[in-house]
């Protein structure tokens, strides 16, 4: 079964680019990505541009409205994702706990509905 691991973090709390902590975090991501590929679990994954680059689209009464920024205004922003093919939720949670941002943010694990 496929699981989406959504990575949320507060940009003011996470390690900042140019710091040794940021380098350590990025190495952790590279190592994690290699690990899930080696385990045959990796389906897809990427980082997202910063939250202010988002555009939110809604349609009401046939009118399309665009709003600058993410859907929800929160301290923690969706920064990236992994799509893994795991045997069950327990395995997906095990991998989610290995994601570096889990130490200062949160990783939401959600089963993917696959339509054939």
PDB file of N, CA and C in Angstrom:
ATOM      1  N   UNK A   1       0.844  -1.172   0.000  1.00  0.00           N
ATOM      2  CA  UNK A   1       0.000   0.000   0.000  1.00  0.00           C
ATOM      3  C   UNK A   1       0.891   1.237   0.000  1.00  0.00           C
ATOM      4  N   UNK A   2       0.440   2.267  -0.698  1.00  0.00           N
ATOM      5  CA  UNK A   2       1.205   3.505  -0.745  1.00  0.00           C
ATOM      6  C   UNK A   2       0.815   4.430   0.405  1.00  0.00           C
ATOM      7  N   UNK A   3       1.826   5.099   0.960  1.00  0.00           N
ATOM      8  CA  UNK A   3       1.633   6.066   2.034  1.00  0.00           C
ATOM      9  C   UNK A   3       2.341   7.359   1.655  1.00  0.00           C
ATOM     10  N   UNK A   4       1.641   8.474   1.852  1.00  0.00           N
ATOM     11  CA  UNK A   4       2.227   9.788   1.645  1.00  0.00           C
ATOM     12  C   UNK A   4       2.746  10.273   2.990  1.00  0.00           C
ATOM     13  N   UNK A   5       4.023  10.623   3.041  1.00  0.00           N
ATOM     14  CA  UNK A   5       4.634  11.171   4.237  1.00  0.00           C
ATOM     15  C   UNK A   5       4.835  12.658   3.982  1.00  0.00           C
ATOM     16  N   UNK A   6       4.001  13.480   4.621  1.00  0.00           N
ATOM     17  CA  UNK A   6       4.002  14.925   4.420  1.00  0.00           C
ATOM     18  C   UNK A   6       4.828  15.572   5.518  1.00  0.00           C
ATOM     19  N   UNK A   7       5.816  16.348   5.131  1.00  0.00           N
ATOM     20  CA  UNK A   7       6.802  16.894   6.059  1.00  0.00           C
ATOM     21  C   UNK A   7       6.478  18.354   6.360  1.00  0.00           C
ATOM     22  N   UNK A   8       6.184  18.634   7.630  1.00  0.00           N
ATOM     23  CA  UNK A   8       5.849  19.985   8.075  1.00  0.00           C
ATOM     24  C   UNK A   8       6.907  20.469   9.062  1.00  0.00           C
ATOM     25  N   UNK A   9       7.292  21.737   8.940  1.00  0.00           N
ATOM     26  CA  UNK A   9       8.233  22.320   9.887  1.00  0.00           C
ATOM     27  C   UNK A   9       8.032  23.829   9.934  1.00  0.00           C
ATOM     28  N   UNK A  10       8.368  24.407  11.053  1.00  0.00           N
ATOM     29  CA  UNK A  10       8.347  25.854  11.221  1.00  0.00           C
ATOM     30  C   UNK A  10       9.672  26.383  10.661  1.00  0.00           C
ATOM     31  N   UNK A  11       9.629  27.201   9.612  1.00  0.00           N
ATOM     32  CA  UNK A  11      10.883  27.682   9.025  1.00  0.00           C
ATOM     33  C   UNK A  11      11.736  28.496   9.995  1.00  0.00           C
ATOM     34  N   UNK A  12      11.143  29.000  11.059  1.00  0.00           N
ATOM     35  CA  UNK A  12      11.907  29.761  12.042  1.00  0.00           C
ATOM     36  C   UNK A  12      12.574  28.875  13.087  1.00  0.00           C
ATOM     37  N   UNK A  13      12.202  27.590  13.118  1.00  0.00           N
ATOM     38  CA  UNK A  13      12.744  26.665  14.109  1.00  0.00           C
ATOM     39  C   UNK A  13      13.728  25.688  13.472  1.00  0.00           C
ATOM     40  N   UNK A  14      13.503  25.341  12.211  1.00  0.00           N
ATOM     41  CA  UNK A  14      14.360  24.352  11.561  1.00  0.00           C
ATOM     42  C   UNK A  14      15.758  24.924  11.307  1.00  0.00           C
ATOM     43  N   UNK A  15      16.745  24.065  11.118  1.00  0.00           N
ATOM     44  CA  UNK A  15      18.099  24.545  10.817  1.00  0.00           C
ATOM     45  C   UNK A  15      18.104  25.452   9.574  1.00  0.00           C
ATOM     46  N   UNK A  16      18.900  26.504   9.635  1.00  0.00           N
ATOM     47  CA  UNK A  16      18.935  27.503   8.571  1.00  0.00           C
ATOM     48  C   UNK A  16      20.070  27.229   7.585  1.00  0.00           C
ATOM     49  N   UNK A  17      19.827  27.489   6.282  1.00  0.00           N
ATOM     50  CA  UNK A  17      20.893  27.315   5.291  1.00  0.00           C
ATOM     51  C   UNK A  17      22.157  28.063   5.697  1.00  0.00           C
ATOM     52  N   UNK A  18      23.285  27.439   5.422  1.00  0.00           N
ATOM     53  CA  UNK A  18      24.570  28.037   5.743  1.00  0.00           C
ATOM     54  C   UNK A  18      25.102  27.673   7.117  1.00  0.00           C
ATOM     55  N   UNK A  19      24.287  26.984   7.914  1.00  0.00           N
ATOM     56  CA  UNK A  19      24.747  26.570   9.240  1.00  0.00           C
ATOM     57  C   UNK A  19      25.187  25.109   9.203  1.00  0.00           C
ATOM     58  N   UNK A  20      26.052  24.707  10.135  1.00  0.00           N
ATOM     59  CA  UNK A  20      26.441  23.291  10.192  1.00  0.00           C
ATOM     60  C   UNK A  20      25.232  22.375  10.416  1.00  0.00           C
ATOM     61  N   UNK A  21      24.252  22.851  11.204  1.00  0.00           N
ATOM     62  CA  UNK A  21      23.057  22.047  11.471  1.00  0.00           C
ATOM     63  C   UNK A  21      22.256  21.785  10.189  1.00  0.00           C
ATOM     64  N   UNK A  22      22.218  22.770   9.306  1.00  0.00           N
ATOM     65  CA  UNK A  22      21.509  22.601   8.030  1.00  0.00           C
ATOM     66  C   UNK A  22      22.209  21.538   7.181  1.00  0.00           C
ATOM     67  N   UNK A  23      23.541  21.605   7.152  1.00  0.00           N
ATOM     68  CA  UNK A  23      24.302  20.597   6.404  1.00  0.00           C
ATOM     69  C   UNK A  23      24.054  19.197   6.933  1.00  0.00           C
ATOM     70  N   UNK A  24      24.002  19.076   8.243  1.00  0.00           N
ATOM     71  CA  UNK A  24      23.720  17.778   8.876  1.00  0.00           C
ATOM     72  C   UNK A  24      22.323  17.292   8.501  1.00  0.00           C
ATOM     73  N   UNK A  25      21.337  18.210   8.532  1.00  0.00           N
ATOM     74  CA  UNK A  25      19.967  17.839   8.177  1.00  0.00           C
ATOM     75  C   UNK A  25      19.891  17.380   6.717  1.00  0.00           C
ATOM     76  N   UNK A  26      20.540  18.110   5.820  1.00  0.00           N
ATOM     77  CA  UNK A  26      20.479  17.750   4.398  1.00  0.00           C
ATOM     78  C   UNK A  26      21.165  16.404   4.138  1.00  0.00           C
ATOM     79  N   UNK A  27      22.248  16.142   4.843  1.00  0.00           N
ATOM     80  CA  UNK A  27      22.880  14.824   4.715  1.00  0.00           C
ATOM     81  C   UNK A  27      21.923  13.749   5.214  1.00  0.00           C
ATOM     82  N   UNK A  28      21.203  14.052   6.297  1.00  0.00           N
ATOM     83  CA  UNK A  28      20.209  13.108   6.799  1.00  0.00           C
ATOM     84  C   UNK A  28      19.139  12.805   5.764  1.00  0.00           C
ATOM     85  N   UNK A  29      18.709  13.833   5.034  1.00  0.00           N
ATOM     86  CA  UNK A  29      17.727  13.618   3.968  1.00  0.00           C
ATOM     87  C   UNK A  29      18.306  12.767   2.838  1.00  0.00           C
ATOM     88  N   UNK A  30      19.534  13.042   2.441  1.00  0.00           N
ATOM     89  CA  UNK A  30      20.171  12.239   1.389  1.00  0.00           C
ATOM     90  C   UNK A  30      20.298  10.778   1.834  1.00  0.00           C
ATOM     91  N   UNK A  31      20.702  10.583   3.083  1.00  0.00           N
ATOM     92  CA  UNK A  31      20.840   9.219   3.610  1.00  0.00           C
ATOM     93  C   UNK A  31      19.481   8.516   3.676  1.00  0.00           C
ATOM     94  N   UNK A  32      18.449   9.250   4.138  1.00  0.00           N
ATOM     95  CA  UNK A  32      17.109   8.656   4.213  1.00  0.00           C
ATOM     96  C   UNK A  32      16.605   8.291   2.819  1.00  0.00           C
ATOM     97  N   UNK A  33      16.782   9.194   1.861  1.00  0.00           N
ATOM     98  CA  UNK A  33      16.334   8.924   0.486  1.00  0.00           C
ATOM     99  C   UNK A  33      17.005   7.674  -0.068  1.00  0.00           C
ATOM    100  N   UNK A  34      18.307   7.546   0.173  1.00  0.00           N
ATOM    101  CA  UNK A  34      19.028   6.360  -0.290  1.00  0.00           C
ATOM    102  C   UNK A  34      18.515   5.109   0.414  1.00  0.00           C
ATOM    103  N   UNK A  35      18.237   5.231   1.711  1.00  0.00           N
ATOM    104  CA  UNK A  35      17.753   4.088   2.498  1.00  0.00           C
ATOM    105  C   UNK A  35      16.424   3.560   1.957  1.00  0.00           C
ATOM    106  N   UNK A  36      15.451   4.447   1.712  1.00  0.00           N
ATOM    107  CA  UNK A  36      14.151   3.969   1.229  1.00  0.00           C
ATOM    108  C   UNK A  36      14.254   3.462  -0.213  1.00  0.00           C
ATOM    109  N   UNK A  37      15.200   3.996  -0.985  1.00  0.00           N
ATOM    110  CA  UNK A  37      15.420   3.450  -2.330  1.00  0.00           C
ATOM    111  C   UNK A  37      16.032   2.062  -2.245  1.00  0.00           C
ATOM    112  N   UNK A  38      17.026   1.916  -1.382  1.00  0.00           N
ATOM    113  CA  UNK A  38      17.668   0.609  -1.203  1.00  0.00           C
ATOM    114  C   UNK A  38      16.678  -0.435  -0.690  1.00  0.00           C
ATOM    115  N   UNK A  39      15.723  -0.012   0.158  1.00  0.00           N
ATOM    116  CA  UNK A  39      14.707  -0.927   0.685  1.00  0.00           C
ATOM    117  C   UNK A  39      13.593  -1.210  -0.310  1.00  0.00           C
ATOM    118  N   UNK A  40      13.605  -0.537  -1.467  1.00  0.00           N
ATOM    119  CA  UNK A  40      12.567  -0.746  -2.477  1.00  0.00           C
ATOM    120  C   UNK A  40      11.227  -0.127  -2.106  1.00  0.00           C
ATOM    121  N   UNK A  41      11.227   0.860  -1.228  1.00  0.00           N
ATOM    122  CA  UNK A  41       9.978   1.489  -0.762  1.00  0.00           C
ATOM    123  C   UNK A  41       9.687   2.808  -1.469  1.00  0.00           C
ATOM    124  N   UNK A  42      10.695   3.441  -2.026  1.00  0.00           N
ATOM    125  CA  UNK A  42      10.565   4.772  -2.613  1.00  0.00           C
ATOM    126  C   UNK A  42       9.730   4.747  -3.885  1.00  0.00           C
ATOM    127  N   UNK A  43       8.717   5.612  -3.941  1.00  0.00           N
ATOM    128  CA  UNK A  43       7.918   5.798  -5.157  1.00  0.00           C
ATOM    129  C   UNK A  43       8.206   7.182  -5.728  1.00  0.00           C
ATOM    130  N   UNK A  44       8.190   8.205  -4.868  1.00  0.00           N
ATOM    131  CA  UNK A  44       8.454   9.578  -5.290  1.00  0.00           C
ATOM    132  C   UNK A  44       8.760  10.418  -4.062  1.00  0.00           C
ATOM    133  N   UNK A  45       9.314  11.580  -4.292  1.00  0.00           N
ATOM    134  CA  UNK A  45       9.568  12.500  -3.193  1.00  0.00           C
ATOM    135  C   UNK A  45      10.267  13.742  -3.690  1.00  0.00           C
ATOM    136  N   UNK A  46       9.951  14.863  -3.068  1.00  0.00           N
ATOM    137  CA  UNK A  46      10.584  16.127  -3.417  1.00  0.00           C
ATOM    138  C   UNK A  46      10.376  17.133  -2.317  1.00  0.00           C
ATOM    139  N   UNK A  47      11.228  18.148  -2.331  1.00  0.00           N
ATOM    140  CA  UNK A  47      11.033  19.317  -1.477  1.00  0.00           C
ATOM    141  C   UNK A  47      10.142  20.289  -2.241  1.00  0.00           C
ATOM    142  N   UNK A  48       9.470  21.148  -1.498  1.00  0.00           N
ATOM    143  CA  UNK A  48       8.633  22.183  -2.100  1.00  0.00           C
ATOM    144  C   UNK A  48       9.285  23.541  -1.906  1.00  0.00           C
ATOM    145  N   UNK A  49       8.991  24.457  -2.819  1.00  0.00           N
ATOM    146  CA  UNK A  49       9.445  25.838  -2.630  1.00  0.00           C
ATOM    147  C   UNK A  49       8.798  26.377  -1.362  1.00  0.00           C
ATOM    148  N   UNK A  50       9.311  27.493  -0.845  1.00  0.00           N
ATOM    149  CA  UNK A  50       8.787  28.076   0.392  1.00  0.00           C
ATOM    150  C   UNK A  50       7.303  28.396   0.281  1.00  0.00           C
ATOM    151  N   UNK A  51       6.603  28.364   1.425  1.00  0.00           N
ATOM    152  CA  UNK A  51       5.151  28.560   1.486  1.00  0.00           C
ATOM    153  C   UNK A  51       4.666  29.841   0.798  1.00  0.00           C
ATOM    154  N   UNK A  52       5.379  30.959   0.884  1.00  0.00           N
ATOM    155  CA  UNK A  52       4.872  32.162   0.209  1.00  0.00           C
ATOM    156  C   UNK A  52       4.769  32.042  -1.316  1.00  0.00           C
ATOM    157  N   UNK A  53       5.402  31.016  -1.909  1.00  0.00           N
ATOM    158  CA  UNK A  53       5.314  30.842  -3.363  1.00  0.00           C
ATOM    159  C   UNK A  53       4.031  30.109  -3.779  1.00  0.00           C
ATOM    160  N   UNK A  54       3.284  29.608  -2.800  1.00  0.00           N
ATOM    161  CA  UNK A  54       2.064  28.845  -3.089  1.00  0.00           C
ATOM    162  C   UNK A  54       0.961  29.756  -3.622  1.00  0.00           C
ATOM    163  N   UNK A  55       0.106  29.175  -4.424  1.00  0.00           N
ATOM    164  CA  UNK A  55      -1.126  29.815  -4.871  1.00  0.00           C
ATOM    165  C   UNK A  55      -2.257  28.861  -4.552  1.00  0.00           C
ATOM    166  N   UNK A  56      -3.269  29.350  -3.842  1.00  0.00           N
ATOM    167  CA  UNK A  56      -4.413  28.532  -3.483  1.00  0.00           C
ATOM    168  C   UNK A  56      -5.565  28.866  -4.414  1.00  0.00           C
ATOM    169  N   UNK A  57      -6.173  27.832  -4.992  1.00  0.00           N
ATOM    170  CA  UNK A  57      -7.265  27.985  -5.965  1.00  0.00           C
ATOM    171  C   UNK A  57      -8.562  27.487  -5.352  1.00  0.00           C
ATOM    172  N   UNK A  58      -9.622  28.272  -5.497  1.00  0.00           N
ATOM    173  CA  UNK A  58     -10.959  27.817  -5.101  1.00  0.00           C
ATOM    174  C   UNK A  58     -11.949  28.253  -6.172  1.00  0.00           C
ATOM    175  N   UNK A  59     -12.997  27.456  -6.326  1.00  0.00           N
ATOM    176  CA  UNK A  59     -14.058  27.761  -7.293  1.00  0.00           C
ATOM    177  C   UNK A  59     -15.370  27.771  -6.535  1.00  0.00           C
ATOM    178  N   UNK A  60     -16.069  28.895  -6.594  1.00  0.00           N
ATOM    179  CA  UNK A  60     -17.373  29.044  -5.942  1.00  0.00           C
ATOM    180  C   UNK A  60     -18.315  29.703  -6.926  1.00  0.00           C
ATOM    181  N   UNK A  61     -19.434  29.059  -7.162  1.00  0.00           N
ATOM    182  CA  UNK A  61     -20.418  29.611  -8.079  1.00  0.00           C
ATOM    183  C   UNK A  61     -19.862  29.839  -9.470  1.00  0.00           C
ATOM    184  N   UNK A  62     -18.959  28.973  -9.891  1.00  0.00           N
ATOM    185  CA  UNK A  62     -18.384  29.084 -11.224  1.00  0.00           C
ATOM    186  C   UNK A  62     -17.239  30.088 -11.322  1.00  0.00           C
ATOM    187  N   UNK A  63     -16.948  30.793 -10.248  1.00  0.00           N
ATOM    188  CA  UNK A  63     -15.866  31.776 -10.239  1.00  0.00           C
ATOM    189  C   UNK A  63     -14.604  31.172  -9.621  1.00  0.00           C
ATOM    190  N   UNK A  64     -13.500  31.316 -10.321  1.00  0.00           N
ATOM    191  CA  UNK A  64     -12.217  30.851  -9.816  1.00  0.00           C
ATOM    192  C   UNK A  64     -11.528  31.995  -9.088  1.00  0.00           C
ATOM    193  N   UNK A  65     -11.111  31.712  -7.867  1.00  0.00           N
ATOM    194  CA  UNK A  65     -10.415  32.709  -7.057  1.00  0.00           C
ATOM    195  C   UNK A  65      -9.031  32.188  -6.716  1.00  0.00           C
ATOM    196  N   UNK A  66      -8.040  33.043  -6.874  1.00  0.00           N
ATOM    197  CA  UNK A  66      -6.667  32.703  -6.516  1.00  0.00           C
ATOM    198  C   UNK A  66      -6.275  33.508  -5.288  1.00  0.00           C
ATOM    199  N   UNK A  67      -5.615  32.836  -4.357  1.00  0.00           N
ATOM    200  CA  UNK A  67      -5.119  33.501  -3.162  1.00  0.00           C
ATOM    201  C   UNK A  67      -3.634  33.219  -3.060  1.00  0.00           C
ATOM    202  N   UNK A  68      -2.852  34.260  -2.836  1.00  0.00           N
ATOM    203  CA  UNK A  68      -1.423  34.063  -2.648  1.00  0.00           C
ATOM    204  C   UNK A  68      -1.182  33.365  -1.321  1.00  0.00           C
ATOM    205  N   UNK A  69      -0.297  32.388  -1.342  1.00  0.00           N
ATOM    206  CA  UNK A  69       0.075  31.690  -0.121  1.00  0.00           C
ATOM    207  C   UNK A  69      -0.622  30.359   0.031  1.00  0.00           C
ATOM    208  N   UNK A  70      -0.250  29.642   1.085  1.00  0.00           N
ATOM    209  CA  UNK A  70      -0.801  28.304   1.316  1.00  0.00           C
ATOM    210  C   UNK A  70      -2.248  28.358   1.789  1.00  0.00           C
ATOM    211  N   UNK A  71      -2.905  27.208   1.733  1.00  0.00           N
ATOM    212  CA  UNK A  71      -4.307  27.069   2.139  1.00  0.00           C
ATOM    213  C   UNK A  71      -4.506  27.441   3.596  1.00  0.00           C
ATOM    214  N   UNK A  72      -3.643  26.947   4.452  1.00  0.00           N
ATOM    215  CA  UNK A  72      -3.791  27.185   5.892  1.00  0.00           C
ATOM    216  C   UNK A  72      -2.684  28.116   6.373  1.00  0.00           C
ATOM    217  N   UNK A  73      -3.040  29.023   7.245  1.00  0.00           N
ATOM    218  CA  UNK A  73      -2.047  29.901   7.855  1.00  0.00           C
ATOM    219  C   UNK A  73      -1.629  29.286   9.188  1.00  0.00           C
ATOM    220  N   UNK A  74      -0.448  28.691   9.190  1.00  0.00           N
ATOM    221  CA  UNK A  74       0.072  28.048  10.386  1.00  0.00           C
ATOM    222  C   UNK A  74       1.558  28.357  10.497  1.00  0.00           C
ATOM    223  N   UNK A  75       2.129  28.093  11.658  1.00  0.00           N
ATOM    224  CA  UNK A  75       3.571  28.270  11.821  1.00  0.00           C
ATOM    225  C   UNK A  75       4.340  27.221  11.032  1.00  0.00           C
ATOM    226  N   UNK A  76       3.818  25.995  11.042  1.00  0.00           N
ATOM    227  CA  UNK A  76       4.492  24.915  10.327  1.00  0.00           C
ATOM    228  C   UNK A  76       4.003  24.879   8.882  1.00  0.00           C
ATOM    229  N   UNK A  77       4.946  24.780   7.958  1.00  0.00           N
ATOM    230  CA  UNK A  77       4.626  24.759   6.536  1.00  0.00           C
ATOM    231  C   UNK A  77       4.940  23.394   5.951  1.00  0.00           C
ATOM    232  N   UNK A  78       4.156  23.011   4.948  1.00  0.00           N
ATOM    233  CA  UNK A  78       4.446  21.790   4.196  1.00  0.00           C
ATOM    234  C   UNK A  78       5.688  22.051   3.361  1.00  0.00           C
ATOM    235  N   UNK A  79       6.748  21.319   3.651  1.00  0.00           N
ATOM    236  CA  UNK A  79       8.017  21.572   2.978  1.00  0.00           C
ATOM    237  C   UNK A  79       8.414  20.516   1.972  1.00  0.00           C
ATOM    238  N   UNK A  80       7.756  19.364   2.012  1.00  0.00           N
ATOM    239  CA  UNK A  80       8.103  18.303   1.080  1.00  0.00           C
ATOM    240  C   UNK A  80       7.348  17.038   1.410  1.00  0.00           C
ATOM    241  N   UNK A  81       7.652  15.992   0.664  1.00  0.00           N
ATOM    242  CA  UNK A  81       6.916  14.743   0.841  1.00  0.00           C
ATOM    243  C   UNK A  81       7.745  13.573   0.344  1.00  0.00           C
ATOM    244  N   UNK A  82       7.383  12.418   0.827  1.00  0.00           N
ATOM    245  CA  UNK A  82       7.838  11.142   0.282  1.00  0.00           C
ATOM    246  C   UNK A  82       6.590  10.318   0.026  1.00  0.00           C
ATOM    247  N   UNK A  83       6.571   9.611  -1.073  1.00  0.00           N
ATOM    248  CA  UNK A  83       5.536   8.628  -1.363  1.00  0.00           C
ATOM    249  C   UNK A  83       6.230   7.271  -1.313  1.00  0.00           C
ATOM    250  N   UNK A  84       5.822   6.454  -0.342  1.00  0.00           N
ATOM    251  CA  UNK A  84       6.459   5.149  -0.145  1.00  0.00           C
ATOM    252  C   UNK A  84       5.451   4.032  -0.334  1.00  0.00           C
ATOM    253  N   UNK A  85       5.945   2.890  -0.754  1.00  0.00           N
ATOM    254  CA  UNK A  85       5.128   1.689  -0.887  1.00  0.00           C
ATOM    255  C   UNK A  85       5.487   0.782   0.283  1.00  0.00           C
ATOM    256  N   UNK A  86       4.654   0.779   1.317  1.00  0.00           N
ATOM    257  CA  UNK A  86       4.926   0.045   2.555  1.00  0.00           C
ATOM    258  C   UNK A  86       3.910  -1.079   2.738  1.00  0.00           C
ATOM    259  N   UNK A  87       4.272  -2.042   3.555  1.00  0.00           N
ATOM    260  CA  UNK A  87       3.375  -3.172   3.788  1.00  0.00           C
ATOM    261  C   UNK A  87       2.178  -2.778   4.641  1.00  0.00           C
ATOM    262  N   UNK A  88       2.383  -1.808   5.564  1.00  0.00           N
ATOM    263  CA  UNK A  88       1.284  -1.394   6.431  1.00  0.00           C
ATOM    264  C   UNK A  88       1.633  -0.060   7.091  1.00  0.00           C
ATOM    265  N   UNK A  89       0.704   0.452   7.894  1.00  0.00           N
ATOM    266  CA  UNK A  89       0.901   1.729   8.571  1.00  0.00           C
ATOM    267  C   UNK A  89       2.106   1.686   9.505  1.00  0.00           C
ATOM    268  N   UNK A  90       2.294   0.591  10.199  1.00  0.00           N
ATOM    269  CA  UNK A  90       3.425   0.485  11.118  1.00  0.00           C
ATOM    270  C   UNK A  90       4.754   0.693  10.397  1.00  0.00           C
ATOM    271  N   UNK A  91       4.880   0.101   9.222  1.00  0.00           N
ATOM    272  CA  UNK A  91       6.116   0.271   8.457  1.00  0.00           C
ATOM    273  C   UNK A  91       6.254   1.715   7.978  1.00  0.00           C
ATOM    274  N   UNK A  92       5.166   2.322   7.536  1.00  0.00           N
ATOM    275  CA  UNK A  92       5.202   3.717   7.087  1.00  0.00           C
ATOM    276  C   UNK A  92       5.601   4.641   8.228  1.00  0.00           C
ATOM    277  N   UNK A  93       5.075   4.398   9.418  1.00  0.00           N
ATOM    278  CA  UNK A  93       5.425   5.202  10.597  1.00  0.00           C
ATOM    279  C   UNK A  93       6.897   5.026  10.950  1.00  0.00           C
ATOM    280  N   UNK A  94       7.405   3.816  10.818  1.00  0.00           N
ATOM    281  CA  UNK A  94       8.824   3.552  11.087  1.00  0.00           C
ATOM    282  C   UNK A  94       9.691   4.427  10.184  1.00  0.00           C
ATOM    283  N   UNK A  95       9.350   4.490   8.897  1.00  0.00           N
ATOM    284  CA  UNK A  95      10.113   5.331   7.969  1.00  0.00           C
ATOM    285  C   UNK A  95       9.910   6.818   8.265  1.00  0.00           C
ATOM    286  N   UNK A  96       8.692   7.218   8.595  1.00  0.00           N
ATOM    287  CA  UNK A  96       8.419   8.627   8.896  1.00  0.00           C
ATOM    288  C   UNK A  96       9.290   9.115  10.043  1.00  0.00           C
ATOM    289  N   UNK A  97       9.502   8.265  11.030  1.00  0.00           N
ATOM    290  CA  UNK A  97      10.315   8.639  12.188  1.00  0.00           C
ATOM    291  C   UNK A  97      11.787   8.831  11.818  1.00  0.00           C
ATOM    292  N   UNK A  98      12.206   8.320  10.670  1.00  0.00           N
ATOM    293  CA  UNK A  98      13.597   8.467  10.219  1.00  0.00           C
ATOM    294  C   UNK A  98      13.826   9.780   9.470  1.00  0.00           C
ATOM    295  N   UNK A  99      12.765  10.484   9.103  1.00  0.00           N
ATOM    296  CA  UNK A  99      12.900  11.728   8.340  1.00  0.00           C
ATOM    297  C   UNK A  99      13.479  12.799   9.262  1.00  0.00           C
ATOM    298  N   UNK A 100      14.562  13.467   8.850  1.00  0.00           N
ATOM    299  CA  UNK A 100      15.232  14.422   9.725  1.00  0.00           C
ATOM    300  C   UNK A 100      14.323  15.494  10.331  1.00  0.00           C
ATOM    301  N   UNK A 101      13.366  16.010   9.596  1.00  0.00           N
ATOM    302  CA  UNK A 101      12.506  17.077  10.121  1.00  0.00           C
ATOM    303  C   UNK A 101      11.561  16.595  11.213  1.00  0.00           C
ATOM    304  N   UNK A 102      11.452  15.296  11.412  1.00  0.00           N
ATOM    305  CA  UNK A 102      10.607  14.786  12.496  1.00  0.00           C
ATOM    306  C   UNK A 102      11.148  15.212  13.857  1.00  0.00           C
ATOM    307  N   UNK A 103      12.433  15.578  13.919  1.00  0.00           N
ATOM    308  CA  UNK A 103      13.029  15.973  15.200  1.00  0.00           C
ATOM    309  C   UNK A 103      12.683  17.411  15.597  1.00  0.00           C
ATOM    310  N   UNK A 104      12.254  18.241  14.641  1.00  0.00           N
ATOM    311  CA  UNK A 104      11.898  19.628  14.969  1.00  0.00           C
ATOM    312  C   UNK A 104      10.564  20.051  14.363  1.00  0.00           C
ATOM    313  N   UNK A 105       9.954  19.177  13.567  1.00  0.00           N
ATOM    314  CA  UNK A 105       8.660  19.455  12.956  1.00  0.00           C
ATOM    315  C   UNK A 105       7.752  18.257  13.143  1.00  0.00           C
ATOM    316  N   UNK A 106       6.977  17.972  12.110  1.00  0.00           N
ATOM    317  CA  UNK A 106       6.060  16.832  12.157  1.00  0.00           C
ATOM    318  C   UNK A 106       6.013  16.166  10.781  1.00  0.00           C
ATOM    319  N   UNK A 107       5.724  14.882  10.788  1.00  0.00           N
ATOM    320  CA  UNK A 107       5.523  14.148   9.535  1.00  0.00           C
ATOM    321  C   UNK A 107       4.151  13.496   9.610  1.00  0.00           C
ATOM    322  N   UNK A 108       3.273  13.910   8.717  1.00  0.00           N
ATOM    323  CA  UNK A 108       1.937  13.321   8.640  1.00  0.00           C
ATOM    324  C   UNK A 108       2.000  12.117   7.711  1.00  0.00           C
ATOM    325  N   UNK A 109       1.485  10.998   8.164  1.00  0.00           N
ATOM    326  CA  UNK A 109       1.455   9.770   7.369  1.00  0.00           C
ATOM    327  C   UNK A 109       0.018   9.515   6.964  1.00  0.00           C
ATOM    328  N   UNK A 110      -0.201   9.394   5.658  1.00  0.00           N
ATOM    329  CA  UNK A 110      -1.565   9.199   5.190  1.00  0.00           C
ATOM    330  C   UNK A 110      -1.596   8.151   4.074  1.00  0.00           C
ATOM    331  N   UNK A 111      -2.493   7.146   4.201  1.00  0.00           N
ATOM    332  CA  UNK A 111      -2.621   6.166   3.124  1.00  0.00           C
ATOM    333  C   UNK A 111      -3.125   6.852   1.849  1.00  0.00           C
ATOM    334  N   UNK A 112      -2.647   6.363   0.722  1.00  0.00           N
ATOM    335  CA  UNK A 112      -3.053   6.893  -0.577  1.00  0.00           C
ATOM    336  C   UNK A 112      -4.129   5.986  -1.164  1.00  0.00           C
ATOM    337  N   UNK A 113      -5.212   6.610  -1.606  1.00  0.00           N
ATOM    338  CA  UNK A 113      -6.268   5.880  -2.295  1.00  0.00           C
ATOM    339  C   UNK A 113      -5.843   5.727  -3.756  1.00  0.00           C
ATOM    340  N   UNK A 114      -5.595   4.513  -4.182  1.00  0.00           N
ATOM    341  CA  UNK A 114      -5.151   4.280  -5.560  1.00  0.00           C
ATOM    342  C   UNK A 114      -6.369   3.811  -6.363  1.00  0.00           C
ATOM    343  N   UNK A 115      -6.719   4.578  -7.379  1.00  0.00           N
ATOM    344  CA  UNK A 115      -7.853   4.226  -8.246  1.00  0.00           C
ATOM    345  C   UNK A 115      -7.310   3.512  -9.481  1.00  0.00           C
ATOM    346  N   UNK A 116      -7.798   2.317  -9.712  1.00  0.00           N
ATOM    347  CA  UNK A 116      -7.349   1.545 -10.881  1.00  0.00           C
ATOM    348  C   UNK A 116      -8.219   1.802 -12.070  1.00  0.00           C
TER     349      UNK A 116
END
